[in-house]
C-alpha cells in the first residue's frame, strides 16, 4: 500500500507540474541559444564592468565529513587592457591586477607577490593563461 501511495503522489505531482506550466515556459534549444548569444553580445559590447560574488567550495574529507570553505570576491574590468580581481576568505586573501603590460599577483596573507611582463589586452592575458604561457 505504501508504494502505491508513493506512486500516486509522484504521478499527481508530475501532472500538476505539467498542467500548471504555461506552454511558452517550455523554451526550445533555439530560443535558449538566441538568448545566450544576445547576453554574450551585450557583455562583449561593454567597455567597463564590475561585480562582486560569494562562493562556497565544499570539500569532503577522507572521514566523509563535509567542509564548506566560503569566500567573497570582486572584479573590476576596463577594456581593452585593465582588470583587477580580489578574493578573500578564511584561507585566501589574494589580488590580481593587470594593467596592459604587467600582471601582478599578491597574496596578502603571506605578504608575497609576483610580477609577470605580459603586454597586450585582457583577451591576450586569458589566451596566455590558457596556454600556460603566463608563467615565468
Foldseek 3Di string as FASTA:
>chain_A
DVVVVVVVVVVVVVVCVVVVDDPVVPDDPVVVVVVVVVVVVVVVPDQWDKDKDKDWDWDQDPVRDIDTWIKMKMWIGGPWWWIKMFIDGPVFTKIWTTGQFWIKIATPVVRDIDIFGDHDTPVSVVVCVVVVNRDD
